[in-house]
Amino acid sequence: MSTLLHSTTVCRLIKADKTSLFAAFSKAEVLEQWFSPSPDIGVEILQFDFRAGGRYRFRYSMKDGSRPILGGSFVRIEAPDRLSFTWVWEEPDPHAGIPTIVTVEFHGGGVQTEIVLTHSQIPTEEIAQRHAAGWEATFDHLEKALSQHRFPSQSKRKH
């Protein structure tokens, strides 16, 4: 039996410079403010060692009271252009222990940046579609946080 793995790619043009967007992914205190598919889903950073080979763990607080944990390691970091990390849910999630890979690319300059996120090595098309919807919603949350100036932006620095 052969295993066909799936992937999903989500692209978004965001009104922020590339350095600020990369920082939104690379700083734990900033991630806690937006890295969930809904403002109603909280995220707590349990571990965050942002370097190639470093590990991370997040605990989500879901509306139903569950608190799933997600973890992985940073595979590749090329600031401010690209980062790649493994993505593994922990027990009791039904997909626990299945490693997938997330690659985020930042394209452009000036006041707008295109984010291209590819989530690969996903075991089924159904899970890939759920992840695509989750990433779209997460980018919505990121854009809302940026528009509300909930975390520092490079473009807001004093000169």
C-alpha atoms as a PDB file:
ATOM      1  CA  MET A   1       0.000   0.000   0.000  1.00  0.00           C
ATOM      2  CA  SER A   2       1.432   3.390  -0.973  1.00  0.00           C
ATOM      3  CA  THR A   3       0.846   6.517   1.044  1.00  0.00           C
ATOM      4  CA  LEU A   4       0.013   9.680  -0.863  1.00  0.00           C
ATOM      5  CA  LEU A   5       0.649  12.765   1.236  1.00  0.00           C
ATOM      6  CA  HIS A   6      -1.214  16.019   0.664  1.00  0.00           C
ATOM      7  CA  SER A   7      -0.397  19.685   1.009  1.00  0.00           C
ATOM      8  CA  THR A   8      -2.158  23.006   1.045  1.00  0.00           C
ATOM      9  CA  THR A   9      -0.898  26.477   0.172  1.00  0.00           C
ATOM     10  CA  VAL A  10      -2.399  29.706   1.461  1.00  0.00           C
ATOM     11  CA  CYS A  11      -1.319  33.094   0.100  1.00  0.00           C
ATOM     12  CA  ARG A  12      -2.158  36.469   1.582  1.00  0.00           C
ATOM     13  CA  LEU A  13      -1.088  40.016   0.754  1.00  0.00           C
ATOM     14  CA  ILE A  14      -0.787  41.884   4.047  1.00  0.00           C
ATOM     15  CA  LYS A  15      -0.274  45.593   4.676  1.00  0.00           C
ATOM     16  CA  ALA A  16       2.970  45.346   6.630  1.00  0.00           C
ATOM     17  CA  ASP A  17       6.639  45.283   5.781  1.00  0.00           C
ATOM     18  CA  LYS A  18       8.432  41.959   5.492  1.00  0.00           C
ATOM     19  CA  THR A  19      10.600  42.454   8.596  1.00  0.00           C
ATOM     20  CA  SER A  20       7.555  43.179  10.789  1.00  0.00           C
ATOM     21  CA  LEU A  21       5.688  40.139   9.487  1.00  0.00           C
ATOM     22  CA  PHE A  22       8.678  37.878  10.008  1.00  0.00           C
ATOM     23  CA  ALA A  23       8.916  39.228  13.579  1.00  0.00           C
ATOM     24  CA  ALA A  24       5.233  38.349  14.091  1.00  0.00           C
ATOM     25  CA  PHE A  25       6.186  34.704  13.475  1.00  0.00           C
ATOM     26  CA  SER A  26       9.511  34.759  15.312  1.00  0.00           C
ATOM     27  CA  LYS A  27       8.724  36.344  18.685  1.00  0.00           C
ATOM     28  CA  ALA A  28       6.750  34.395  21.307  1.00  0.00           C
ATOM     29  CA  GLU A  29       5.206  37.491  22.892  1.00  0.00           C
ATOM     30  CA  VAL A  30       3.833  38.540  19.504  1.00  0.00           C
ATOM     31  CA  LEU A  31       2.651  35.055  18.467  1.00  0.00           C
ATOM     32  CA  GLU A  32       0.521  34.818  21.616  1.00  0.00           C
ATOM     33  CA  GLN A  33      -1.476  37.787  20.361  1.00  0.00           C
ATOM     34  CA  TRP A  34      -2.580  36.307  17.032  1.00  0.00           C
ATOM     35  CA  PHE A  35      -1.505  32.710  16.308  1.00  0.00           C
ATOM     36  CA  SER A  36      -4.929  31.042  16.371  1.00  0.00           C
ATOM     37  CA  PRO A  37      -7.768  30.747  13.882  1.00  0.00           C
ATOM     38  CA  SER A  38     -10.086  32.874  16.044  1.00  0.00           C
ATOM     39  CA  PRO A  39      -9.864  35.577  18.692  1.00  0.00           C
ATOM     40  CA  ASP A  40     -12.038  33.210  20.774  1.00  0.00           C
ATOM     41  CA  ILE A  41      -9.277  30.576  20.785  1.00  0.00           C
ATOM     42  CA  GLY A  42      -6.420  31.466  23.093  1.00  0.00           C
ATOM     43  CA  VAL A  43      -2.844  30.347  22.602  1.00  0.00           C
ATOM     44  CA  GLU A  44      -0.245  29.941  25.338  1.00  0.00           C
ATOM     45  CA  ILE A  45       3.411  29.570  24.399  1.00  0.00           C
ATOM     46  CA  LEU A  46       4.840  26.745  26.507  1.00  0.00           C
ATOM     47  CA  GLN A  47       8.216  26.589  24.754  1.00  0.00           C
ATOM     48  CA  PHE A  48       9.740  28.740  22.008  1.00  0.00           C
ATOM     49  CA  ASP A  49      13.395  28.380  21.019  1.00  0.00           C
ATOM     50  CA  PHE A  50      13.485  30.259  17.704  1.00  0.00           C
ATOM     51  CA  ARG A  51      16.590  28.865  16.019  1.00  0.00           C
ATOM     52  CA  ALA A  52      17.218  26.056  13.545  1.00  0.00           C
ATOM     53  CA  GLY A  53      16.782  22.873  15.566  1.00  0.00           C
ATOM     54  CA  GLY A  54      14.974  24.727  18.360  1.00  0.00           C
ATOM     55  CA  ARG A  55      11.650  23.430  19.642  1.00  0.00           C
ATOM     56  CA  TYR A  56       8.277  25.011  20.264  1.00  0.00           C
ATOM     57  CA  ARG A  57       5.065  23.958  22.051  1.00  0.00           C
ATOM     58  CA  PHE A  58       1.731  25.803  22.088  1.00  0.00           C
ATOM     59  CA  ARG A  59      -1.386  25.092  24.147  1.00  0.00           C
ATOM     60  CA  TYR A  60      -4.669  26.248  22.656  1.00  0.00           C
ATOM     61  CA  SER A  61      -7.731  27.070  24.781  1.00  0.00           C
ATOM     62  CA  MET A  62     -10.723  26.047  22.709  1.00  0.00           C
ATOM     63  CA  LYS A  63     -14.301  27.274  23.086  1.00  0.00           C
ATOM     64  CA  ASP A  64     -15.399  23.783  24.190  1.00  0.00           C
ATOM     65  CA  GLY A  65     -12.919  23.816  27.088  1.00  0.00           C
ATOM     66  CA  SER A  66     -10.396  21.465  25.487  1.00  0.00           C
ATOM     67  CA  ARG A  67      -6.721  22.431  25.545  1.00  0.00           C
ATOM     68  CA  PRO A  68      -4.876  20.690  22.697  1.00  0.00           C
ATOM     69  CA  ILE A  69      -1.091  20.961  22.513  1.00  0.00           C
ATOM     70  CA  LEU A  70       0.875  21.400  19.313  1.00  0.00           C
ATOM     71  CA  GLY A  71       4.643  21.198  19.018  1.00  0.00           C
ATOM     72  CA  GLY A  72       7.534  20.769  16.678  1.00  0.00           C
ATOM     73  CA  SER A  73      10.927  22.094  15.781  1.00  0.00           C
ATOM     74  CA  PHE A  74      12.276  24.834  13.569  1.00  0.00           C
ATOM     75  CA  VAL A  75      13.877  23.243  10.512  1.00  0.00           C
ATOM     76  CA  ARG A  76      15.046  26.310   8.587  1.00  0.00           C
ATOM     77  CA  ILE A  77      15.160  30.025   9.376  1.00  0.00           C
ATOM     78  CA  GLU A  78      16.205  32.600   6.788  1.00  0.00           C
ATOM     79  CA  ALA A  79      15.217  35.987   8.219  1.00  0.00           C
ATOM     80  CA  PRO A  80      13.227  37.822   6.935  1.00  0.00           C
ATOM     81  CA  ASP A  81      12.420  35.671   3.886  1.00  0.00           C
ATOM     82  CA  ARG A  82      11.484  32.159   5.005  1.00  0.00           C
ATOM     83  CA  LEU A  83      10.997  29.792   7.885  1.00  0.00           C
ATOM     84  CA  SER A  84      10.084  26.137   8.069  1.00  0.00           C
ATOM     85  CA  PHE A  85       8.984  24.048  11.032  1.00  0.00           C
ATOM     86  CA  THR A  86       7.487  20.680  11.864  1.00  0.00           C
ATOM     87  CA  TRP A  87       3.883  20.600  13.082  1.00  0.00           C
ATOM     88  CA  VAL A  88       2.826  17.750  15.402  1.00  0.00           C
ATOM     89  CA  TRP A  89      -0.282  17.524  17.590  1.00  0.00           C
ATOM     90  CA  GLU A  90       0.055  15.740  20.931  1.00  0.00           C
ATOM     91  CA  GLU A  91      -2.303  13.175  22.511  1.00  0.00           C
ATOM     92  CA  PRO A  92      -5.279  13.041  22.835  1.00  0.00           C
ATOM     93  CA  ASP A  93      -5.712  14.739  19.430  1.00  0.00           C
ATOM     94  CA  PRO A  94      -6.828  12.152  16.835  1.00  0.00           C
ATOM     95  CA  HIS A  95      -3.893  13.194  14.617  1.00  0.00           C
ATOM     96  CA  ALA A  96      -1.312  13.076  17.399  1.00  0.00           C
ATOM     97  CA  GLY A  97       2.175  12.015  16.461  1.00  0.00           C
ATOM     98  CA  ILE A  98       1.742  12.649  12.712  1.00  0.00           C
ATOM     99  CA  PRO A  99       4.525  15.054  11.692  1.00  0.00           C
ATOM    100  CA  THR A 100       3.780  17.579   8.967  1.00  0.00           C
ATOM    101  CA  ILE A 101       5.868  20.490   7.681  1.00  0.00           C
ATOM    102  CA  VAL A 102       4.945  24.183   7.480  1.00  0.00           C
ATOM    103  CA  THR A 103       6.962  26.556   5.298  1.00  0.00           C
ATOM    104  CA  VAL A 104       6.272  30.285   5.383  1.00  0.00           C
ATOM    105  CA  GLU A 105       7.730  32.604   2.743  1.00  0.00           C
ATOM    106  CA  PHE A 106       7.639  36.407   2.851  1.00  0.00           C
ATOM    107  CA  HIS A 107       7.753  38.202  -0.530  1.00  0.00           C
ATOM    108  CA  GLY A 108       7.881  41.873  -1.332  1.00  0.00           C
ATOM    109  CA  GLY A 109       9.104  45.080   0.099  1.00  0.00           C
ATOM    110  CA  GLY A 110       7.758  48.363   1.288  1.00  0.00           C
ATOM    111  CA  VAL A 111       4.425  48.478   3.058  1.00  0.00           C
ATOM    112  CA  GLN A 112       2.927  45.257   1.652  1.00  0.00           C
ATOM    113  CA  THR A 113       4.159  41.688   1.903  1.00  0.00           C
ATOM    114  CA  GLU A 114       2.820  38.504   0.397  1.00  0.00           C
ATOM    115  CA  ILE A 115       2.891  35.559   2.779  1.00  0.00           C
ATOM    116  CA  VAL A 116       2.938  32.153   1.101  1.00  0.00           C
ATOM    117  CA  LEU A 117       2.357  29.345   3.592  1.00  0.00           C
ATOM    118  CA  THR A 118       2.649  25.726   2.482  1.00  0.00           C
ATOM    119  CA  HIS A 119       1.612  22.985   4.879  1.00  0.00           C
ATOM    120  CA  SER A 120       2.850  19.639   3.535  1.00  0.00           C
ATOM    121  CA  GLN A 121       3.091  15.930   4.350  1.00  0.00           C
ATOM    122  CA  ILE A 122      -0.546  15.908   5.474  1.00  0.00           C
ATOM    123  CA  PRO A 123      -1.977  12.360   5.519  1.00  0.00           C
ATOM    124  CA  THR A 124      -5.433  13.016   3.970  1.00  0.00           C
ATOM    125  CA  GLU A 125      -7.133  15.538   1.706  1.00  0.00           C
ATOM    126  CA  GLU A 126      -9.769  16.148   4.408  1.00  0.00           C
ATOM    127  CA  ILE A 127      -7.097  17.150   6.947  1.00  0.00           C
ATOM    128  CA  ALA A 128      -5.384  19.317   4.300  1.00  0.00           C
ATOM    129  CA  GLN A 129      -8.669  21.171   3.696  1.00  0.00           C
ATOM    130  CA  ARG A 130      -9.177  21.709   7.438  1.00  0.00           C
ATOM    131  CA  HIS A 131      -5.641  23.075   7.742  1.00  0.00           C
ATOM    132  CA  ALA A 132      -6.226  25.410   4.758  1.00  0.00           C
ATOM    133  CA  ALA A 133      -9.342  26.812   6.448  1.00  0.00           C
ATOM    134  CA  GLY A 134      -7.422  27.139   9.727  1.00  0.00           C
ATOM    135  CA  TRP A 135      -4.539  28.994   8.100  1.00  0.00           C
ATOM    136  CA  GLU A 136      -6.923  31.349   6.255  1.00  0.00           C
ATOM    137  CA  ALA A 137      -8.643  32.165   9.561  1.00  0.00           C
ATOM    138  CA  THR A 138      -5.272  32.553  11.304  1.00  0.00           C
ATOM    139  CA  PHE A 139      -4.182  35.071   8.659  1.00  0.00           C
ATOM    140  CA  ASP A 140      -7.497  36.920   9.209  1.00  0.00           C
ATOM    141  CA  HIS A 141      -6.613  37.077  12.907  1.00  0.00           C
ATOM    142  CA  LEU A 142      -3.092  38.335  12.065  1.00  0.00           C
ATOM    143  CA  GLU A 143      -4.485  41.091   9.820  1.00  0.00           C
ATOM    144  CA  LYS A 144      -6.963  42.158  12.502  1.00  0.00           C
ATOM    145  CA  ALA A 145      -4.207  42.289  15.126  1.00  0.00           C
ATOM    146  CA  LEU A 146      -2.047  44.368  12.788  1.00  0.00           C
ATOM    147  CA  SER A 147      -4.904  46.773  12.035  1.00  0.00           C
ATOM    148  CA  GLN A 148      -5.499  47.259  15.769  1.00  0.00           C
ATOM    149  CA  HIS A 149      -1.766  47.872  16.356  1.00  0.00           C
ATOM    150  CA  ARG A 150      -1.766  45.104  18.968  1.00  0.00           C
ATOM    151  CA  PHE A 151       1.946  44.545  18.568  1.00  0.00           C
ATOM    152  CA  PRO A 152       4.886  46.668  17.463  1.00  0.00           C
ATOM    153  CA  SER A 153       5.427  47.288  13.790  1.00  0.00           C
ATOM    154  CA  GLN A 154       8.692  48.264  12.165  1.00  0.00           C
ATOM    155  CA  SER A 155       6.833  50.967  10.267  1.00  0.00           C
ATOM    156  CA  LYS A 156       5.770  52.607  13.571  1.00  0.00           C
ATOM    157  CA  ARG A 157       9.327  53.143  14.864  1.00  0.00           C
ATOM    158  CA  LYS A 158      10.500  56.644  15.618  1.00  0.00           C
ATOM    159  CA  HIS A 159      13.111  57.930  13.184  1.00  0.00           C
END
